[in-house]
């Protein structure tokens, strides 16, 4: 059963149309996957900013508490020096 040239051309055109339809379906799937990935990346970006802000706040709290402890230590030393200097009979060279 020999196909005529018109039948062969019609079969080839049908194959091309089927191929183009499959390509369009695949392209739609790829676009959906890319959009989903982009949305996930955007979510990670916002979470990353939150983590960076939390780390910065933690570091600032560490600095503040270290400075507060240092200030307390200096104030305690100053108070002790004032008490020693105010004690009767005490000079910078020792007890009189």
C-alpha atoms as a PDB file:
ATOM      1  CA  UNK A   1       0.000   0.000   0.000  1.00  0.00           C
ATOM      2  CA  UNK A   2       1.926   2.955  -1.267  1.00  0.00           C
ATOM      3  CA  UNK A   3       1.271   6.373   0.185  1.00  0.00           C
ATOM      4  CA  UNK A   4       0.818   9.227  -2.119  1.00  0.00           C
ATOM      5  CA  UNK A   5       2.945  12.308  -1.719  1.00  0.00           C
ATOM      6  CA  UNK A   6      -0.031  14.242  -0.331  1.00  0.00           C
ATOM      7  CA  UNK A   7      -0.644  11.598   2.355  1.00  0.00           C
ATOM      8  CA  UNK A   8       3.026  11.627   3.352  1.00  0.00           C
ATOM      9  CA  UNK A   9       2.997  15.417   3.566  1.00  0.00           C
ATOM     10  CA  UNK A  10      -0.168  15.335   5.692  1.00  0.00           C
ATOM     11  CA  UNK A  11       1.397  12.736   8.040  1.00  0.00           C
ATOM     12  CA  UNK A  12       4.560  14.826   8.405  1.00  0.00           C
ATOM     13  CA  UNK A  13       2.551  17.964   9.117  1.00  0.00           C
ATOM     14  CA  UNK A  14       0.610  16.065  11.791  1.00  0.00           C
ATOM     15  CA  UNK A  15       3.848  14.856  13.395  1.00  0.00           C
ATOM     16  CA  UNK A  16       5.191  18.404  13.425  1.00  0.00           C
ATOM     17  CA  UNK A  17       1.987  19.720  15.016  1.00  0.00           C
ATOM     18  CA  UNK A  18       2.102  16.959  17.673  1.00  0.00           C
ATOM     19  CA  UNK A  19       5.749  17.768  18.356  1.00  0.00           C
ATOM     20  CA  UNK A  20       4.993  21.488  18.717  1.00  0.00           C
ATOM     21  CA  UNK A  21       2.119  20.729  21.091  1.00  0.00           C
ATOM     22  CA  UNK A  22       4.414  18.592  23.282  1.00  0.00           C
ATOM     23  CA  UNK A  23       7.040  21.344  23.235  1.00  0.00           C
ATOM     24  CA  UNK A  24       4.456  23.918  24.352  1.00  0.00           C
ATOM     25  CA  UNK A  25       3.368  21.631  27.212  1.00  0.00           C
ATOM     26  CA  UNK A  26       6.977  21.151  28.304  1.00  0.00           C
ATOM     27  CA  UNK A  27       7.614  24.891  28.079  1.00  0.00           C
ATOM     28  CA  UNK A  28       4.582  25.563  30.291  1.00  0.00           C
ATOM     29  CA  UNK A  29       5.890  23.029  32.842  1.00  0.00           C
ATOM     30  CA  UNK A  30       9.345  24.621  32.758  1.00  0.00           C
ATOM     31  CA  UNK A  31       7.870  28.088  33.292  1.00  0.00           C
ATOM     32  CA  UNK A  32       5.793  26.818  36.229  1.00  0.00           C
ATOM     33  CA  UNK A  33       8.851  25.175  37.790  1.00  0.00           C
ATOM     34  CA  UNK A  34      10.922  28.330  37.277  1.00  0.00           C
ATOM     35  CA  UNK A  35       8.208  30.473  38.881  1.00  0.00           C
ATOM     36  CA  UNK A  36       8.025  28.103  41.837  1.00  0.00           C
ATOM     37  CA  UNK A  37      11.805  28.174  42.249  1.00  0.00           C
ATOM     38  CA  UNK A  38      11.854  31.962  42.034  1.00  0.00           C
ATOM     39  CA  UNK A  39       9.162  32.190  44.700  1.00  0.00           C
ATOM     40  CA  UNK A  40      11.171  29.880  46.968  1.00  0.00           C
ATOM     41  CA  UNK A  41      14.310  31.983  46.454  1.00  0.00           C
ATOM     42  CA  UNK A  42      12.394  35.163  47.293  1.00  0.00           C
ATOM     43  CA  UNK A  43      11.200  33.512  50.516  1.00  0.00           C
ATOM     44  CA  UNK A  44      14.762  32.546  51.392  1.00  0.00           C
ATOM     45  CA  UNK A  45      15.922  36.104  50.741  1.00  0.00           C
ATOM     46  CA  UNK A  46      13.452  37.532  53.229  1.00  0.00           C
ATOM     47  CA  UNK A  47      14.380  34.892  55.802  1.00  0.00           C
ATOM     48  CA  UNK A  48      18.060  35.652  55.276  1.00  0.00           C
ATOM     49  CA  UNK A  49      17.450  39.332  56.041  1.00  0.00           C
ATOM     50  CA  UNK A  50      15.620  38.303  59.214  1.00  0.00           C
ATOM     51  CA  UNK A  51      18.517  36.101  60.292  1.00  0.00           C
ATOM     52  CA  UNK A  52      21.023  38.873  59.535  1.00  0.00           C
ATOM     53  CA  UNK A  53      19.002  41.337  61.622  1.00  0.00           C
ATOM     54  CA  UNK A  54      18.792  38.845  64.492  1.00  0.00           C
ATOM     55  CA  UNK A  55      22.557  38.248  64.404  1.00  0.00           C
ATOM     56  CA  UNK A  56      23.222  41.975  64.391  1.00  0.00           C
ATOM     57  CA  UNK A  57      20.905  42.457  67.370  1.00  0.00           C
ATOM     58  CA  UNK A  58      22.644  39.617  69.212  1.00  0.00           C
ATOM     59  CA  UNK A  59      26.087  41.111  68.522  1.00  0.00           C
ATOM     60  CA  UNK A  60      24.966  44.536  69.707  1.00  0.00           C
ATOM     61  CA  UNK A  61      23.520  42.986  72.879  1.00  0.00           C
ATOM     62  CA  UNK A  62      26.863  41.268  73.517  1.00  0.00           C
ATOM     63  CA  UNK A  63      28.725  44.554  73.126  1.00  0.00           C
ATOM     64  CA  UNK A  64      26.281  46.395  75.353  1.00  0.00           C
ATOM     65  CA  UNK A  65      26.473  43.788  78.134  1.00  0.00           C
ATOM     66  CA  UNK A  66      30.299  43.722  77.943  1.00  0.00           C
ATOM     67  CA  UNK A  67      30.420  47.523  78.176  1.00  0.00           C
ATOM     68  CA  UNK A  68      27.936  47.490  81.066  1.00  0.00           C
ATOM     69  CA  UNK A  69      30.069  44.966  82.945  1.00  0.00           C
ATOM     70  CA  UNK A  70      33.213  47.018  82.294  1.00  0.00           C
ATOM     71  CA  UNK A  71      31.450  50.174  83.505  1.00  0.00           C
ATOM     72  CA  UNK A  72      30.283  48.423  86.689  1.00  0.00           C
ATOM     73  CA  UNK A  73      33.837  47.231  87.329  1.00  0.00           C
ATOM     74  CA  UNK A  74      35.226  50.750  86.869  1.00  0.00           C
ATOM     75  CA  UNK A  75      32.573  52.276  89.120  1.00  0.00           C
ATOM     76  CA  UNK A  76      33.276  49.680  91.811  1.00  0.00           C
ATOM     77  CA  UNK A  77      37.004  50.421  91.619  1.00  0.00           C
ATOM     78  CA  UNK A  78      36.352  54.172  91.816  1.00  0.00           C
ATOM     79  CA  UNK A  79      34.067  53.728  94.814  1.00  0.00           C
ATOM     80  CA  UNK A  80      36.701  51.588  96.533  1.00  0.00           C
ATOM     81  CA  UNK A  81      39.365  54.244  95.854  1.00  0.00           C
ATOM     82  CA  UNK A  82      37.116  56.991  97.226  1.00  0.00           C
ATOM     83  CA  UNK A  83      36.428  54.942 100.375  1.00  0.00           C
ATOM     84  CA  UNK A  84      40.137  54.262 100.884  1.00  0.00           C
ATOM     85  CA  UNK A  85      41.017  57.922 100.353  1.00  0.00           C
ATOM     86  CA  UNK A  86      38.308  59.030 102.784  1.00  0.00           C
ATOM     87  CA  UNK A  87      39.490  56.706 105.541  1.00  0.00           C
ATOM     88  CA  UNK A  88      41.291  58.624 108.348  1.00  0.00           C
ATOM     89  CA  UNK A  89      45.054  58.204 108.597  1.00  0.00           C
ATOM     90  CA  UNK A  90      45.494  56.803 105.086  1.00  0.00           C
ATOM     91  CA  UNK A  91      47.755  58.544 102.647  1.00  0.00           C
ATOM     92  CA  UNK A  92      48.919  57.660  99.220  1.00  0.00           C
ATOM     93  CA  UNK A  93      52.125  56.308 100.739  1.00  0.00           C
ATOM     94  CA  UNK A  94      50.347  54.055 103.197  1.00  0.00           C
ATOM     95  CA  UNK A  95      49.132  54.310 106.817  1.00  0.00           C
ATOM     96  CA  UNK A  96      50.478  57.143 109.032  1.00  0.00           C
END
